[in-house]
């Protein structure tokens, strides 16, 4: 499954900082814009996977339904 997020990149002195608007706490800092892009993608993957794992642990033993949801957000 592929999701789209909004990456915000800002040059600060000799560094590029970046964050994802939709994922609070998902941010990186790298020397080049390309490195920041790649690091941000990796951070998104790690955060989404960790959130899924935490949600599954918390729902163990409960009667739950998991299903994909498609939502258009402008």
PDB file of N, CA and C in Angstrom:
ATOM      1  N   UNK A   1       0.844  -1.169   0.000  1.00  0.00           N
ATOM      2  CA  UNK A   1       0.000   0.000   0.000  1.00  0.00           C
ATOM      3  C   UNK A   1       0.894   1.237   0.000  1.00  0.00           C
ATOM      4  N   UNK A   2       0.516   2.201  -0.806  1.00  0.00           N
ATOM      5  CA  UNK A   2       1.282   3.442  -0.843  1.00  0.00           C
ATOM      6  C   UNK A   2       0.402   4.592  -0.381  1.00  0.00           C
ATOM      7  N   UNK A   3       0.898   5.346   0.562  1.00  0.00           N
ATOM      8  CA  UNK A   3       0.200   6.532   1.066  1.00  0.00           C
ATOM      9  C   UNK A   3       0.990   7.764   0.663  1.00  0.00           C
ATOM     10  N   UNK A   4       0.319   8.893   0.625  1.00  0.00           N
ATOM     11  CA  UNK A   4       1.011  10.137   0.322  1.00  0.00           C
ATOM     12  C   UNK A   4       0.981  11.041   1.548  1.00  0.00           C
ATOM     13  N   UNK A   5       2.120  11.673   1.797  1.00  0.00           N
ATOM     14  CA  UNK A   5       2.266  12.593   2.912  1.00  0.00           C
ATOM     15  C   UNK A   5       2.876  13.880   2.375  1.00  0.00           C
ATOM     16  N   UNK A   6       2.825  14.922   3.181  1.00  0.00           N
ATOM     17  CA  UNK A   6       3.401  16.201   2.773  1.00  0.00           C
ATOM     18  C   UNK A   6       4.706  16.423   3.518  1.00  0.00           C
ATOM     19  N   UNK A   7       5.806  16.389   2.781  1.00  0.00           N
ATOM     20  CA  UNK A   7       7.108  16.671   3.357  1.00  0.00           C
ATOM     21  C   UNK A   7       7.411  18.153   3.246  1.00  0.00           C
ATOM     22  N   UNK A   8       7.879  18.749   4.326  1.00  0.00           N
ATOM     23  CA  UNK A   8       8.237  20.162   4.342  1.00  0.00           C
ATOM     24  C   UNK A   8       9.740  20.233   4.598  1.00  0.00           C
ATOM     25  N   UNK A   9      10.465  20.861   3.678  1.00  0.00           N
ATOM     26  CA  UNK A   9      11.931  20.914   3.741  1.00  0.00           C
ATOM     27  C   UNK A   9      12.378  22.363   3.876  1.00  0.00           C
ATOM     28  N   UNK A  10      13.299  22.600   4.797  1.00  0.00           N
ATOM     29  CA  UNK A  10      13.789  23.962   5.017  1.00  0.00           C
ATOM     30  C   UNK A  10      15.302  23.942   5.197  1.00  0.00           C
ATOM     31  N   UNK A  11      15.956  24.836   4.507  1.00  0.00           N
ATOM     32  CA  UNK A  11      17.403  24.971   4.657  1.00  0.00           C
ATOM     33  C   UNK A  11      17.694  25.843   5.873  1.00  0.00           C
ATOM     34  N   UNK A  12      18.511  25.324   6.774  1.00  0.00           N
ATOM     35  CA  UNK A  12      18.917  26.061   7.972  1.00  0.00           C
ATOM     36  C   UNK A  12      20.441  25.996   8.026  1.00  0.00           C
ATOM     37  N   UNK A  13      21.059  27.109   7.702  1.00  0.00           N
ATOM     38  CA  UNK A  13      22.523  27.175   7.608  1.00  0.00           C
ATOM     39  C   UNK A  13      23.014  26.102   6.635  1.00  0.00           C
ATOM     40  N   UNK A  14      23.851  25.174   7.095  1.00  0.00           N
ATOM     41  CA  UNK A  14      24.395  24.138   6.208  1.00  0.00           C
ATOM     42  C   UNK A  14      23.589  22.848   6.230  1.00  0.00           C
ATOM     43  N   UNK A  15      22.421  22.859   6.836  1.00  0.00           N
ATOM     44  CA  UNK A  15      21.620  21.653   6.992  1.00  0.00           C
ATOM     45  C   UNK A  15      20.261  21.810   6.317  1.00  0.00           C
ATOM     46  N   UNK A  16      19.640  20.672   6.023  1.00  0.00           N
ATOM     47  CA  UNK A  16      18.241  20.633   5.594  1.00  0.00           C
ATOM     48  C   UNK A  16      17.449  19.956   6.689  1.00  0.00           C
ATOM     49  N   UNK A  17      16.439  20.633   7.180  1.00  0.00           N
ATOM     50  CA  UNK A  17      15.526  20.014   8.135  1.00  0.00           C
ATOM     51  C   UNK A  17      14.238  19.693   7.393  1.00  0.00           C
ATOM     52  N   UNK A  18      13.559  18.666   7.852  1.00  0.00           N
ATOM     53  CA  UNK A  18      12.328  18.262   7.181  1.00  0.00           C
ATOM     54  C   UNK A  18      11.383  17.619   8.174  1.00  0.00           C
ATOM     55  N   UNK A  19      10.091  17.774   7.899  1.00  0.00           N
ATOM     56  CA  UNK A  19       9.083  17.121   8.710  1.00  0.00           C
ATOM     57  C   UNK A  19       7.881  16.781   7.844  1.00  0.00           C
ATOM     58  N   UNK A  20       7.008  15.940   8.389  1.00  0.00           N
ATOM     59  CA  UNK A  20       5.798  15.525   7.694  1.00  0.00           C
ATOM     60  C   UNK A  20       4.616  16.207   8.368  1.00  0.00           C
ATOM     61  N   UNK A  21       3.847  16.965   7.591  1.00  0.00           N
ATOM     62  CA  UNK A  21       2.720  17.709   8.163  1.00  0.00           C
ATOM     63  C   UNK A  21       1.721  16.790   8.859  1.00  0.00           C
ATOM     64  N   UNK A  22       1.495  15.610   8.304  1.00  0.00           N
ATOM     65  CA  UNK A  22       0.460  14.713   8.812  1.00  0.00           C
ATOM     66  C   UNK A  22       0.917  13.804   9.948  1.00  0.00           C
ATOM     67  N   UNK A  23       2.197  13.773  10.239  1.00  0.00           N
ATOM     68  CA  UNK A  23       2.732  12.879  11.272  1.00  0.00           C
ATOM     69  C   UNK A  23       3.554  13.680  12.287  1.00  0.00           C
ATOM     70  N   UNK A  24       2.928  14.201  13.321  1.00  0.00           N
ATOM     71  CA  UNK A  24       3.687  14.948  14.326  1.00  0.00           C
ATOM     72  C   UNK A  24       4.852  14.119  14.865  1.00  0.00           C
ATOM     73  N   UNK A  25       5.992  14.753  14.992  1.00  0.00           N
ATOM     74  CA  UNK A  25       7.164  14.063  15.512  1.00  0.00           C
ATOM     75  C   UNK A  25       8.014  13.392  14.451  1.00  0.00           C
ATOM     76  N   UNK A  26       7.542  13.388  13.214  1.00  0.00           N
ATOM     77  CA  UNK A  26       8.311  12.782  12.128  1.00  0.00           C
ATOM     78  C   UNK A  26       9.163  13.874  11.492  1.00  0.00           C
ATOM     79  N   UNK A  27      10.433  13.938  11.895  1.00  0.00           N
ATOM     80  CA  UNK A  27      11.316  14.968  11.361  1.00  0.00           C
ATOM     81  C   UNK A  27      12.743  14.459  11.276  1.00  0.00           C
ATOM     82  N   UNK A  28      13.512  15.083  10.387  1.00  0.00           N
ATOM     83  CA  UNK A  28      14.902  14.682  10.156  1.00  0.00           C
ATOM     84  C   UNK A  28      15.745  15.918   9.898  1.00  0.00           C
ATOM     85  N   UNK A  29      17.052  15.717   9.914  1.00  0.00           N
ATOM     86  CA  UNK A  29      18.005  16.773   9.566  1.00  0.00           C
ATOM     87  C   UNK A  29      19.165  16.111   8.822  1.00  0.00           C
ATOM     88  N   UNK A  30      19.494  16.635   7.653  1.00  0.00           N
ATOM     89  CA  UNK A  30      20.568  16.071   6.833  1.00  0.00           C
ATOM     90  C   UNK A  30      21.351  17.188   6.148  1.00  0.00           C
ATOM     91  N   UNK A  31      22.500  16.845   5.602  1.00  0.00           N
ATOM     92  CA  UNK A  31      23.354  17.832   4.935  1.00  0.00           C
ATOM     93  C   UNK A  31      22.815  18.248   3.564  1.00  0.00           C
ATOM     94  N   UNK A  32      22.171  17.324   2.839  1.00  0.00           N
ATOM     95  CA  UNK A  32      21.666  17.655   1.501  1.00  0.00           C
ATOM     96  C   UNK A  32      20.158  17.436   1.444  1.00  0.00           C
ATOM     97  N   UNK A  33      19.533  18.100   0.471  1.00  0.00           N
ATOM     98  CA  UNK A  33      18.094  17.953   0.289  1.00  0.00           C
ATOM     99  C   UNK A  33      17.743  16.510  -0.065  1.00  0.00           C
ATOM    100  N   UNK A  34      18.532  15.894  -0.912  1.00  0.00           N
ATOM    101  CA  UNK A  34      18.262  14.500  -1.292  1.00  0.00           C
ATOM    102  C   UNK A  34      18.370  13.563  -0.088  1.00  0.00           C
ATOM    103  N   UNK A  35      19.375  13.763   0.753  1.00  0.00           N
ATOM    104  CA  UNK A  35      19.497  12.950   1.966  1.00  0.00           C
ATOM    105  C   UNK A  35      18.298  13.164   2.888  1.00  0.00           C
ATOM    106  N   UNK A  36      17.844  14.401   2.987  1.00  0.00           N
ATOM    107  CA  UNK A  36      16.675  14.699   3.824  1.00  0.00           C
ATOM    108  C   UNK A  36      15.434  14.001   3.280  1.00  0.00           C
ATOM    109  N   UNK A  37      15.268  14.001   1.964  1.00  0.00           N
ATOM    110  CA  UNK A  37      14.120  13.307   1.357  1.00  0.00           C
ATOM    111  C   UNK A  37      14.144  11.821   1.694  1.00  0.00           C
ATOM    112  N   UNK A  38      15.298  11.207   1.512  1.00  0.00           N
ATOM    113  CA  UNK A  38      15.412   9.765   1.773  1.00  0.00           C
ATOM    114  C   UNK A  38      15.217   9.452   3.256  1.00  0.00           C
ATOM    115  N   UNK A  39      15.820  10.240   4.120  1.00  0.00           N
ATOM    116  CA  UNK A  39      15.674  10.021   5.559  1.00  0.00           C
ATOM    117  C   UNK A  39      14.230  10.195   6.006  1.00  0.00           C
ATOM    118  N   UNK A  40      13.539  11.168   5.413  1.00  0.00           N
ATOM    119  CA  UNK A  40      12.152  11.397   5.790  1.00  0.00           C
ATOM    120  C   UNK A  40      11.276  10.218   5.368  1.00  0.00           C
ATOM    121  N   UNK A  41      11.530   9.667   4.199  1.00  0.00           N
ATOM    122  CA  UNK A  41      10.786   8.475   3.757  1.00  0.00           C
ATOM    123  C   UNK A  41      11.016   7.312   4.726  1.00  0.00           C
ATOM    124  N   UNK A  42      12.258   7.120   5.127  1.00  0.00           N
ATOM    125  CA  UNK A  42      12.572   6.045   6.075  1.00  0.00           C
ATOM    126  C   UNK A  42      11.901   6.297   7.428  1.00  0.00           C
ATOM    127  N   UNK A  43      11.882   7.540   7.866  1.00  0.00           N
ATOM    128  CA  UNK A  43      11.242   7.878   9.140  1.00  0.00           C
ATOM    129  C   UNK A  43       9.739   7.612   9.074  1.00  0.00           C
ATOM    130  N   UNK A  44       9.110   7.961   7.959  1.00  0.00           N
ATOM    131  CA  UNK A  44       7.675   7.691   7.780  1.00  0.00           C
ATOM    132  C   UNK A  44       7.411   6.200   7.888  1.00  0.00           C
ATOM    133  N   UNK A  45       8.183   5.404   7.180  1.00  0.00           N
ATOM    134  CA  UNK A  45       8.009   3.954   7.222  1.00  0.00           C
ATOM    135  C   UNK A  45       8.147   3.429   8.643  1.00  0.00           C
ATOM    136  N   UNK A  46       9.165   3.871   9.339  1.00  0.00           N
ATOM    137  CA  UNK A  46       9.410   3.390  10.707  1.00  0.00           C
ATOM    138  C   UNK A  46       8.268   3.782  11.644  1.00  0.00           C
ATOM    139  N   UNK A  47       7.794   5.011  11.545  1.00  0.00           N
ATOM    140  CA  UNK A  47       6.728   5.474  12.429  1.00  0.00           C
ATOM    141  C   UNK A  47       5.420   4.743  12.153  1.00  0.00           C
ATOM    142  N   UNK A  48       5.065   4.587  10.882  1.00  0.00           N
ATOM    143  CA  UNK A  48       3.819   3.888  10.542  1.00  0.00           C
ATOM    144  C   UNK A  48       3.886   2.436  11.009  1.00  0.00           C
ATOM    145  N   UNK A  49       5.007   1.772  10.773  1.00  0.00           N
ATOM    146  CA  UNK A  49       5.151   0.378  11.217  1.00  0.00           C
ATOM    147  C   UNK A  49       5.078   0.277  12.735  1.00  0.00           C
ATOM    148  N   UNK A  50       5.736   1.182  13.440  1.00  0.00           N
ATOM    149  CA  UNK A  50       5.712   1.160  14.907  1.00  0.00           C
ATOM    150  C   UNK A  50       4.297   1.419  15.421  1.00  0.00           C
ATOM    151  N   UNK A  51       3.585   2.379  14.827  1.00  0.00           N
ATOM    152  CA  UNK A  51       2.214   2.664  15.251  1.00  0.00           C
ATOM    153  C   UNK A  51       1.303   1.467  15.030  1.00  0.00           C
ATOM    154  N   UNK A  52       1.469   0.785  13.904  1.00  0.00           N
ATOM    155  CA  UNK A  52       0.663  -0.414  13.637  1.00  0.00           C
ATOM    156  C   UNK A  52       0.935  -1.500  14.671  1.00  0.00           C
ATOM    157  N   UNK A  53       2.205  -1.708  14.976  1.00  0.00           N
ATOM    158  CA  UNK A  53       2.573  -2.729  15.952  1.00  0.00           C
ATOM    159  C   UNK A  53       2.001  -2.397  17.326  1.00  0.00           C
ATOM    160  N   UNK A  54       2.106  -1.147  17.734  1.00  0.00           N
ATOM    161  CA  UNK A  54       1.551  -0.737  19.030  1.00  0.00           C
ATOM    162  C   UNK A  54       0.033  -0.933  19.067  1.00  0.00           C
ATOM    163  N   UNK A  55      -0.636  -0.561  17.991  1.00  0.00           N
ATOM    164  CA  UNK A  55      -2.095  -0.716  17.938  1.00  0.00           C
ATOM    165  C   UNK A  55      -2.485  -2.188  18.013  1.00  0.00           C
ATOM    166  N   UNK A  56      -1.741  -3.048  17.354  1.00  0.00           N
ATOM    167  CA  UNK A  56      -2.045  -4.483  17.382  1.00  0.00           C
ATOM    168  C   UNK A  56      -1.816  -5.062  18.770  1.00  0.00           C
ATOM    169  N   UNK A  57      -0.755  -4.641  19.424  1.00  0.00           N
ATOM    170  CA  UNK A  57      -0.503  -5.121  20.792  1.00  0.00           C
ATOM    171  C   UNK A  57      -1.619  -4.688  21.738  1.00  0.00           C
ATOM    172  N   UNK A  58      -2.026  -3.428  21.605  1.00  0.00           N
ATOM    173  CA  UNK A  58      -3.055  -2.898  22.501  1.00  0.00           C
ATOM    174  C   UNK A  58      -4.417  -3.554  22.280  1.00  0.00           C
ATOM    175  N   UNK A  59      -4.658  -4.066  21.088  1.00  0.00           N
ATOM    176  CA  UNK A  59      -5.965  -4.668  20.797  1.00  0.00           C
ATOM    177  C   UNK A  59      -5.978  -6.185  20.951  1.00  0.00           C
ATOM    178  N   UNK A  60      -4.841  -6.759  21.342  1.00  0.00           N
ATOM    179  CA  UNK A  60      -4.797  -8.215  21.548  1.00  0.00           C
ATOM    180  C   UNK A  60      -5.850  -8.628  22.562  1.00  0.00           C
ATOM    181  N   UNK A  61      -6.590  -9.683  22.225  1.00  0.00           N
ATOM    182  CA  UNK A  61      -7.613 -10.183  23.122  1.00  0.00           C
ATOM    183  C   UNK A  61      -8.942  -9.459  23.001  1.00  0.00           C
ATOM    184  N   UNK A  62      -9.015  -8.461  22.151  1.00  0.00           N
ATOM    185  CA  UNK A  62     -10.257  -7.715  21.946  1.00  0.00           C
ATOM    186  C   UNK A  62     -10.861  -8.118  20.599  1.00  0.00           C
ATOM    187  N   UNK A  63     -12.151  -7.955  20.477  1.00  0.00           N
ATOM    188  CA  UNK A  63     -12.852  -8.238  19.226  1.00  0.00           C
ATOM    189  C   UNK A  63     -12.743  -7.000  18.339  1.00  0.00           C
ATOM    190  N   UNK A  64     -11.823  -7.021  17.380  1.00  0.00           N
ATOM    191  CA  UNK A  64     -11.588  -5.855  16.530  1.00  0.00           C
ATOM    192  C   UNK A  64     -11.717  -6.224  15.055  1.00  0.00           C
ATOM    193  N   UNK A  65     -11.981  -5.237  14.238  1.00  0.00           N
ATOM    194  CA  UNK A  65     -12.014  -5.391  12.783  1.00  0.00           C
ATOM    195  C   UNK A  65     -11.003  -4.418  12.216  1.00  0.00           C
ATOM    196  N   UNK A  66     -10.100  -4.914  11.395  1.00  0.00           N
ATOM    197  CA  UNK A  66      -9.132  -4.062  10.710  1.00  0.00           C
ATOM    198  C   UNK A  66      -9.475  -4.070   9.233  1.00  0.00           C
ATOM    199  N   UNK A  67      -9.557  -2.891   8.650  1.00  0.00           N
ATOM    200  CA  UNK A  67      -9.849  -2.805   7.216  1.00  0.00           C
ATOM    201  C   UNK A  67      -9.242  -1.532   6.648  1.00  0.00           C
ATOM    202  N   UNK A  68      -8.839  -1.587   5.384  1.00  0.00           N
ATOM    203  CA  UNK A  68      -8.292  -0.387   4.751  1.00  0.00           C
ATOM    204  C   UNK A  68      -9.385   0.669   4.570  1.00  0.00           C
ATOM    205  N   UNK A  69      -9.020   1.905   4.731  1.00  0.00           N
ATOM    206  CA  UNK A  69      -9.929   3.024   4.519  1.00  0.00           C
ATOM    207  C   UNK A  69      -9.326   3.966   3.479  1.00  0.00           C
ATOM    208  N   UNK A  70     -10.099   4.297   2.476  1.00  0.00           N
ATOM    209  CA  UNK A  70      -9.661   5.266   1.477  1.00  0.00           C
ATOM    210  C   UNK A  70     -10.337   6.591   1.785  1.00  0.00           C
ATOM    211  N   UNK A  71      -9.549   7.621   1.995  1.00  0.00           N
ATOM    212  CA  UNK A  71     -10.087   8.925   2.350  1.00  0.00           C
ATOM    213  C   UNK A  71      -9.409   9.989   1.491  1.00  0.00           C
ATOM    214  N   UNK A  72     -10.191  10.763   0.798  1.00  0.00           N
ATOM    215  CA  UNK A  72      -9.623  11.866   0.005  1.00  0.00           C
ATOM    216  C   UNK A  72      -9.538  13.096   0.895  1.00  0.00           C
ATOM    217  N   UNK A  73      -8.335  13.660   0.974  1.00  0.00           N
ATOM    218  CA  UNK A  73      -8.112  14.868   1.753  1.00  0.00           C
ATOM    219  C   UNK A  73      -7.441  15.882   0.839  1.00  0.00           C
ATOM    220  N   UNK A  74      -8.038  17.017   0.729  1.00  0.00           N
ATOM    221  CA  UNK A  74      -7.477  18.074  -0.129  1.00  0.00           C
ATOM    222  C   UNK A  74      -6.621  18.993   0.693  1.00  0.00           C
TER     223      UNK A  74
END
